[in-house]
Protein backbone atom coordinates (compact mmCIF):
# COMPACT_ATOMS: atom_id res chain seq x y z
CA MET A 1 15.91 5.53 32.19
CA LYS A 2 12.25 5.24 31.23
CA ASN A 3 11.10 3.15 28.30
CA PRO A 4 10.21 5.04 25.12
CA LEU A 5 6.49 5.36 24.43
CA LEU A 6 6.85 2.89 21.55
CA GLU A 7 9.51 0.17 21.42
CA PHE A 8 10.62 -2.11 18.60
CA THR A 9 10.55 -5.72 19.80
CA ASP A 10 10.80 -9.16 18.25
CA LYS A 11 6.98 -9.23 18.00
CA GLY A 12 6.37 -5.74 16.66
CA ILE A 13 6.03 -2.13 17.76
CA TYR A 14 5.07 -2.23 21.44
CA CYS A 15 3.50 0.32 23.78
CA SER A 16 4.41 -1.05 27.24
CA ALA A 17 2.28 1.55 29.03
CA ALA A 18 -0.82 0.21 27.26
CA LYS A 19 0.34 -3.39 26.77
CA VAL A 20 -0.66 -3.16 23.12
CA TYR A 21 1.17 -3.70 19.82
CA LEU A 22 0.96 -1.78 16.55
CA ASP A 23 0.96 -3.96 13.39
CA PRO A 24 2.74 -6.87 15.15
CA TRP A 25 4.24 -9.64 13.04
CA LYS A 26 3.90 -12.33 15.74
CA PRO A 27 0.72 -13.31 17.63
CA VAL A 28 -0.10 -10.99 20.57
CA ASP A 29 -3.04 -10.36 22.91
CA LYS A 30 -4.03 -6.92 21.58
CA ALA A 31 -3.08 -5.36 18.23
CA ILE A 32 -3.93 -2.03 16.66
CA ILE A 33 -3.80 -2.51 12.89
CA SER A 34 -2.99 0.25 10.39
CA HIS A 35 -4.31 -1.46 7.24
CA GLY A 36 -5.19 -4.71 5.55
CA HIS A 37 -2.03 -5.71 3.67
CA ALA A 38 -0.58 -9.03 4.82
CA ASP A 39 2.68 -7.64 6.20
CA HIS A 40 0.77 -5.33 8.57
CA SER A 41 -2.29 -7.42 9.50
CA ARG A 42 -1.39 -10.99 10.41
CA TRP A 43 -3.38 -13.89 11.73
CA GLY A 44 -3.23 -15.06 15.34
CA HIS A 45 -3.87 -12.00 17.55
CA LYS A 46 -6.49 -12.34 20.31
CA GLN A 47 -7.95 -8.90 19.64
CA TYR A 48 -7.73 -6.53 16.66
CA ILE A 49 -8.51 -2.80 16.70
CA THR A 50 -8.60 -0.96 13.37
CA HIS A 51 -10.58 1.54 11.34
CA HIS A 52 -14.11 0.30 10.64
CA ARG A 53 -13.49 0.38 6.87
CA ASN A 54 -10.64 -2.05 7.37
CA VAL A 55 -12.79 -4.48 9.37
CA PRO A 56 -14.36 -6.24 6.33
CA ILE A 57 -10.95 -6.35 4.63
CA ILE A 58 -9.08 -8.13 7.42
CA SER A 59 -12.11 -10.29 8.22
CA HIS A 60 -12.09 -11.46 4.58
CA ARG A 61 -8.35 -12.10 4.67
CA LEU A 62 -7.99 -13.61 8.15
CA GLY A 63 -11.33 -15.33 8.72
CA GLU A 64 -13.19 -15.25 12.03
CA ILE A 65 -11.37 -12.81 14.32
CA ASN A 66 -12.18 -10.67 17.36
CA VAL A 67 -12.07 -7.18 15.80
CA MET A 68 -13.26 -3.74 16.88
CA GLY A 69 -13.72 -0.87 14.41
CA LYS A 70 -12.98 2.79 15.19
CA GLU A 71 -13.72 6.05 13.39
CA TRP A 72 -11.23 8.67 12.18
CA GLY A 73 -10.39 11.05 15.03
CA GLU A 74 -12.06 8.86 17.66
CA THR A 75 -9.78 8.75 20.70
CA PHE A 76 -9.88 5.53 22.74
CA LEU A 77 -8.03 4.69 25.94
CA VAL A 78 -6.00 1.56 26.62
CA ASN A 79 -4.62 1.62 30.19
CA ASN A 80 -4.83 5.45 30.17
CA VAL A 81 -2.84 5.73 26.93
CA LYS A 82 -4.68 7.67 24.22
CA PHE A 83 -4.88 6.17 20.73
CA THR A 84 -6.43 7.86 17.69
CA LEU A 85 -6.65 6.74 14.05
CA TYR A 86 -6.15 9.21 11.21
CA PRO A 87 -6.27 8.62 7.42
CA ALA A 88 -3.08 7.35 5.80
CA GLY A 89 -4.30 7.50 2.18
CA HIS A 90 -2.48 4.25 1.33
CA ILE A 91 -5.50 2.04 0.55
CA ILE A 92 -9.14 1.91 1.65
CA GLY A 93 -9.34 1.86 5.45
CA SER A 94 -5.63 2.59 6.00
CA SER A 95 -4.73 4.51 9.16
CA GLN A 96 -1.97 6.34 10.87
CA ILE A 97 -1.92 5.53 14.58
CA ARG A 98 -1.45 8.46 16.98
CA VAL A 99 -0.29 7.54 20.49
CA GLU A 100 -0.33 10.04 23.36
CA HIS A 101 0.77 9.55 26.96
CA LYS A 102 1.92 12.02 29.61
CA GLY A 103 2.29 14.86 27.11
CA GLU A 104 4.31 12.81 24.61
CA ILE A 105 2.91 12.15 21.11
CA TRP A 106 4.11 9.56 18.60
CA VAL A 107 2.60 8.80 15.18
CA PHE A 108 3.06 5.49 13.33
CA THR A 109 2.19 5.82 9.65
CA GLY A 110 1.97 2.21 8.58
CA ASP A 111 2.12 2.74 4.80
CA TYR A 112 0.88 6.03 3.35
CA LYS A 113 0.68 8.30 0.32
CA THR A 114 -0.11 11.99 -0.03
CA GLU A 115 -1.87 11.96 -3.42
CA HIS A 116 -5.66 11.63 -3.12
CA ASP A 117 -6.64 8.57 -5.17
CA GLY A 118 -10.42 9.06 -5.06
CA ILE A 119 -11.17 5.81 -3.20
CA SER A 120 -9.16 6.09 0.04
CA THR A 121 -9.72 8.76 2.67
CA PRO A 122 -6.96 11.34 1.95
CA TYR A 123 -3.81 11.44 4.07
CA LYS A 124 -3.83 13.98 6.89
CA PRO A 125 -0.56 15.17 8.54
CA ILE A 126 -0.64 14.88 12.35
CA LYS A 127 1.53 16.96 14.67
CA CYS A 128 3.76 14.85 16.91
CA HIS A 129 7.10 14.63 18.66
CA THR A 130 8.23 11.35 17.09
CA PHE A 131 7.18 10.17 13.61
CA ILE A 132 7.58 6.52 12.56
CA THR A 133 7.61 6.48 8.77
CA GLU A 134 8.01 4.02 5.95
CA CYS A 135 10.38 4.99 3.13
CA THR A 136 9.62 2.35 0.49
CA PHE A 137 10.47 4.86 -2.24
CA GLY A 138 12.93 6.95 -0.24
CA LEU A 139 15.24 7.92 -3.11
CA PRO A 140 15.19 11.20 -5.12
CA ALA A 141 14.68 9.19 -8.33
CA PHE A 142 11.10 8.44 -7.32
CA LYS A 143 8.84 11.28 -8.43
CA TRP A 144 5.23 10.48 -9.28
CA ILE A 145 3.22 12.16 -12.00
CA PRO A 146 -0.45 12.99 -11.27
CA GLN A 147 -2.60 9.86 -11.39
CA GLN A 148 -4.99 11.43 -13.93
CA GLU A 149 -2.18 11.35 -16.50
CA VAL A 150 -1.37 7.74 -15.64
CA PHE A 151 -4.96 6.61 -16.11
CA GLU A 152 -5.26 8.48 -19.41
CA ASN A 153 -2.18 6.55 -20.57
CA ILE A 154 -3.61 3.23 -19.34
CA ASN A 155 -6.91 3.70 -21.14
CA GLN A 156 -5.10 4.79 -24.31
CA TRP A 157 -2.93 1.65 -24.10
CA TRP A 158 -6.08 -0.47 -23.75
CA GLU A 159 -7.68 1.20 -26.79
CA GLU A 160 -4.56 0.58 -28.90
CA ASN A 161 -4.49 -3.09 -27.92
CA LYS A 162 -8.18 -3.41 -28.73
CA SER A 163 -7.59 -1.96 -32.22
CA GLU A 164 -4.99 -4.71 -32.76
CA GLY A 165 -7.37 -7.45 -31.59
CA LYS A 166 -5.39 -8.23 -28.43
CA THR A 167 -6.35 -8.74 -24.81
CA SER A 168 -4.92 -6.23 -22.33
CA ILE A 169 -3.67 -7.75 -19.07
CA LEU A 170 -2.93 -5.26 -16.31
CA PHE A 171 -1.17 -6.40 -13.14
CA GLY A 172 -1.80 -4.85 -9.75
CA TYR A 173 -1.84 -6.04 -6.15
CA SER A 174 -5.24 -7.55 -5.32
CA LEU A 175 -5.92 -5.23 -2.37
CA GLY A 176 -5.55 -1.52 -3.04
CA LYS A 177 -3.85 -1.19 -6.41
CA ALA A 178 -6.39 -3.32 -8.28
CA GLN A 179 -9.33 -1.27 -6.96
CA ARG A 180 -7.54 1.99 -7.76
CA LEU A 181 -7.02 0.79 -11.32
CA LEU A 182 -10.58 -0.47 -11.62
CA LYS A 183 -12.04 2.84 -10.46
CA TYR A 184 -10.55 4.71 -13.43
CA LEU A 185 -10.68 2.17 -16.25
CA ASP A 186 -13.04 3.36 -18.99
CA PRO A 187 -15.83 0.76 -19.45
CA ASP A 188 -16.81 2.45 -22.72
CA ILE A 189 -13.68 0.86 -24.24
CA GLY A 190 -14.73 -2.69 -23.38
CA LYS A 191 -15.45 -5.19 -20.63
CA ILE A 192 -13.35 -5.42 -17.49
CA TYR A 193 -12.48 -9.00 -16.52
CA THR A 194 -10.92 -10.01 -13.21
CA HIS A 195 -8.81 -12.73 -11.66
CA GLY A 196 -10.54 -14.45 -8.73
CA ALA A 197 -8.30 -12.89 -6.06
CA ILE A 198 -9.10 -9.40 -7.30
CA GLU A 199 -12.80 -10.11 -7.85
CA ASN A 200 -13.22 -11.48 -4.33
CA MET A 201 -11.55 -8.50 -2.67
CA THR A 202 -13.40 -6.02 -4.88
CA GLN A 203 -16.74 -7.55 -3.87
CA VAL A 204 -15.78 -6.94 -0.23
CA LEU A 205 -15.14 -3.26 -1.03
CA ARG A 206 -18.11 -2.55 -3.33
CA PRO A 207 -20.33 -1.41 -0.41
CA LEU A 208 -17.73 1.30 0.26
CA VAL A 209 -16.86 2.48 -3.27
CA ASP A 210 -18.74 2.78 -6.57
CA PHE A 211 -16.69 0.65 -8.98
CA PRO A 212 -17.35 -0.17 -12.65
CA GLU A 213 -18.87 -3.56 -13.43
CA THR A 214 -16.49 -6.51 -13.60
CA THR A 215 -16.71 -10.05 -14.95
CA LEU A 216 -14.93 -12.91 -13.18
CA ILE A 217 -12.83 -15.16 -15.39
CA THR A 218 -13.83 -18.81 -14.92
CA ARG A 219 -12.95 -22.11 -16.57
CA GLU A 220 -15.85 -21.53 -18.94
CA THR A 221 -14.47 -18.16 -20.13
CA LYS A 222 -13.25 -18.45 -23.73
CA LYS A 223 -10.25 -16.47 -24.91
CA GLU A 224 -12.32 -15.11 -27.79
CA GLU A 225 -14.50 -13.33 -25.21
CA LEU A 226 -11.43 -11.54 -23.83
CA LEU A 227 -10.13 -10.13 -27.12
CA GLY A 228 -10.17 -6.33 -27.06
CA ASN A 229 -11.11 -6.29 -23.39
CA ILE A 230 -8.97 -5.83 -20.28
CA VAL A 231 -8.07 -8.28 -17.51
CA LEU A 232 -7.05 -7.18 -14.00
CA ALA A 233 -4.76 -9.74 -12.41
CA PRO A 234 -2.34 -9.95 -9.46
CA PRO A 235 1.41 -10.05 -10.30
CA SER A 236 1.54 -13.69 -9.16
CA ALA A 237 -0.60 -14.67 -12.18
CA HIS A 238 2.11 -13.59 -14.63
CA GLY A 239 3.55 -16.60 -16.46
CA SER A 240 0.94 -18.98 -15.06
CA THR A 241 -1.11 -21.49 -17.05
CA TRP A 242 -4.13 -19.30 -16.19
CA ILE A 243 -2.75 -16.48 -18.30
CA ARG A 244 -1.15 -18.44 -21.13
CA LYS A 245 -4.54 -19.47 -22.48
CA MET A 246 -5.33 -15.79 -23.21
CA VAL A 247 -3.00 -15.47 -26.23
CA PRO A 248 -2.81 -13.03 -27.99
CA TYR A 249 -2.35 -10.59 -25.14
CA VAL A 250 -0.26 -7.59 -24.08
CA THR A 251 0.86 -7.16 -20.46
CA ALA A 252 1.39 -4.11 -18.28
CA SER A 253 2.21 -3.48 -14.64
CA ALA A 254 1.20 -0.50 -12.49
CA SER A 255 3.79 0.06 -9.77
CA GLY A 256 6.20 2.62 -8.41
CA TRP A 257 8.99 0.24 -9.42
CA MET A 258 8.10 0.82 -13.06
CA THR A 259 10.20 4.00 -12.66
CA PHE A 260 13.03 1.71 -13.69
CA ARG A 261 12.88 0.19 -17.17
CA GLY A 262 15.04 -2.69 -15.95
CA ALA A 263 12.31 -3.74 -13.54
CA ARG A 264 9.90 -4.11 -16.45
CA ARG A 265 12.42 -6.15 -18.47
CA ARG A 266 13.15 -8.51 -15.58
CA ARG A 267 9.47 -9.23 -15.14
CA ALA A 268 8.94 -9.72 -18.88
CA ILE A 269 6.27 -7.00 -18.89
CA ASP A 270 5.40 -5.27 -22.16
CA LYS A 271 4.45 -1.92 -20.63
CA GLY A 272 5.04 -0.21 -17.30
CA PHE A 273 2.89 2.47 -15.68
CA VAL A 274 4.37 4.34 -12.72
CA LEU A 275 1.62 4.29 -10.11
CA SER A 276 2.27 3.74 -6.42
CA ASP A 277 0.22 3.60 -3.24
CA HIS A 278 3.23 4.93 -1.32
CA CYS A 279 4.80 8.40 -1.06
CA ASP A 280 7.49 9.43 -3.48
CA TRP A 281 10.66 11.19 -2.26
CA GLN A 282 9.09 14.64 -2.05
CA GLY A 283 5.90 13.26 -0.50
CA LEU A 284 7.93 11.70 2.31
CA LEU A 285 9.86 14.91 2.97
CA SER A 286 6.80 17.18 2.93
CA SER A 287 4.90 14.79 5.22
CA ILE A 288 7.70 14.72 7.76
CA GLU A 289 8.00 18.50 7.73
CA ALA A 290 4.23 18.91 8.25
CA THR A 291 4.30 16.82 11.44
CA GLY A 292 6.70 19.19 13.18
CA ALA A 293 8.44 16.12 14.62
CA GLU A 294 12.08 16.32 15.65
CA LYS A 295 12.62 12.57 15.94
CA ILE A 296 12.06 10.38 12.87
CA ILE A 297 12.23 6.58 12.81
CA CYS A 298 12.45 4.90 9.37
CA THR A 299 11.07 1.36 9.32
CA HIS A 300 11.14 -0.14 5.83
CA GLY A 301 12.39 0.77 2.38
CA TYR A 302 15.56 2.77 1.73
CA THR A 303 15.98 3.32 5.46
CA GLU A 304 19.72 3.97 5.70
CA ILE A 305 19.89 6.43 2.81
CA PHE A 306 16.73 8.24 3.80
CA SER A 307 17.57 8.53 7.49
CA ARG A 308 21.06 9.81 6.67
CA TYR A 309 19.55 12.51 4.44
CA LEU A 310 17.17 13.50 7.24
CA ARG A 311 20.08 13.80 9.70
CA GLU A 312 21.83 16.08 7.22
CA GLN A 313 18.70 18.25 7.29
CA GLY A 314 18.88 18.53 11.08
CA TYR A 315 16.46 15.80 12.16
CA ASP A 316 17.17 13.25 14.88
CA ALA A 317 16.63 10.32 12.51
CA ARG A 318 17.37 6.62 12.86
CA THR A 319 16.28 3.26 11.48
CA GLU A 320 14.56 0.26 13.05
CA GLU A 321 14.24 -3.29 11.74
CA THR A 322 10.71 -4.55 11.12
CA GLN A 323 9.10 -7.33 9.11
CA TYR A 324 7.12 -4.95 6.94
CA GLY A 325 7.71 -5.26 3.22
CA ASP A 326 6.46 -3.93 -0.08
CA GLU A 327 3.19 -5.31 -1.39
CA GLU A 328 4.21 -4.11 -4.85
CA ASP A 329 6.63 -7.05 -4.86
CA ASN A 330 9.87 -5.32 -5.75
CA THR A 331 12.72 -7.34 -7.14
CA ALA A 332 16.09 -5.65 -6.65
CA THR A 333 17.41 -4.12 -9.85
CA ASP A 334 20.72 -2.79 -11.10
CA GLU A 335 19.15 0.67 -11.23
CA THR A 336 18.32 0.70 -7.50
CA ALA A 337 21.79 -0.55 -6.63
CA THR A 338 23.36 2.20 -8.74
CA LEU A 339 21.18 4.88 -7.14
CA GLU A 340 22.06 3.63 -3.68
CA LYS A 341 25.75 4.01 -4.49
CA GLN A 342 25.19 7.49 -5.90
CA THR A 343 23.44 8.63 -2.72
CA SER A 344 25.93 6.95 -0.36
C-alpha cells in the first residue's frame, strides 16, 4: 500500500515524495510555512519556504533564518512534487499550501477565514481531492457578523469611554488581530497607543499596509496622556503592572470566543467584540464544498464534532492530531462544554 501524499508524523505534516514538511512543530531540514503565528512557524528548521509577505514576519519573530519567499500561484518543484501557495485570508501573508503529485491534489489550509478583512489577501477556494482544514470554531453557535458592524461598535465604545474621561484598552493578538483592529480605528476620536509587542510587529507590516499613526507606550508615558484615547495591547498584558498604572480604564477583547459571555466574565473583560481571524461554522462548510474534495481531514479545533457532521453529510472525514492551537488564547468555558454535549 502506497503512502498517502501527506502524512501526519511526530514532527508535522510530511510529504515523503518531496522530503518536505508543512508547518512542522519539530526542527526539520525543509519546511513550507503557511503563516507567521507561533504554532505554525517554529524556530529550528534548516530551510523555510513561505509567501514573500510572510518573510519579514517570520524573520522578525525567529531571527536570522534561511528563508525563501514565493508568490501566490507560483508553482515550485521539490523532488518533482508540485507546490503552490494560495491566499488563506487569515492574516497578512497567510497561505494555503496546494500539493500535487501523480494526478493527486491535496490542500492544507493552515488557518483561514473567508471574510475579506481589507489587509490580508482574500481567501481563494482551491479544487482538490483531499482538504486538510482547521475547525477552530467548528460549532453552529459560531456565526460572525460583518466586520464593518463590529468596527462601528468598537469606535462607538471608544467615544463613550472618552466622554467619561476613561482610557479604552482593547486586547488583540499582536500579529494579525491587532493590525486588523488598528486599520479600522477612527483616529479622529483620539490617539492610538500601543504595547511594545504590537508596535514592533506593526512596524514590520507598515511597508505592506497603510495603517493609522500609533504612539508607543514607554516608561515616560503618563496616564493623563492616555485619558480619552485607546490602547492596543496583547491579551497577556491584562492584569499586569503595565496596565494597572492606566486607571481609570475600560477593557475590551476582540475575539471569536467573545460569542460566549462567560468567556468575557472569566477574563474579567468589561466588553467583548466578536471578531475572529478564523472561519465561522458556515464559512468552514462553504469552503469545504467549494473545494470539491471528497476527503476532509480536520486538524485542530472542534475536530470530533465537526468531522462527524461532515460524515453525516456524505464526506469521507476524519481527524488528525497536531500541535496547532488557537492564537486567540481560548480558555475552555461552560458554554463550549454545553454546546459539545448538545451536538454529540
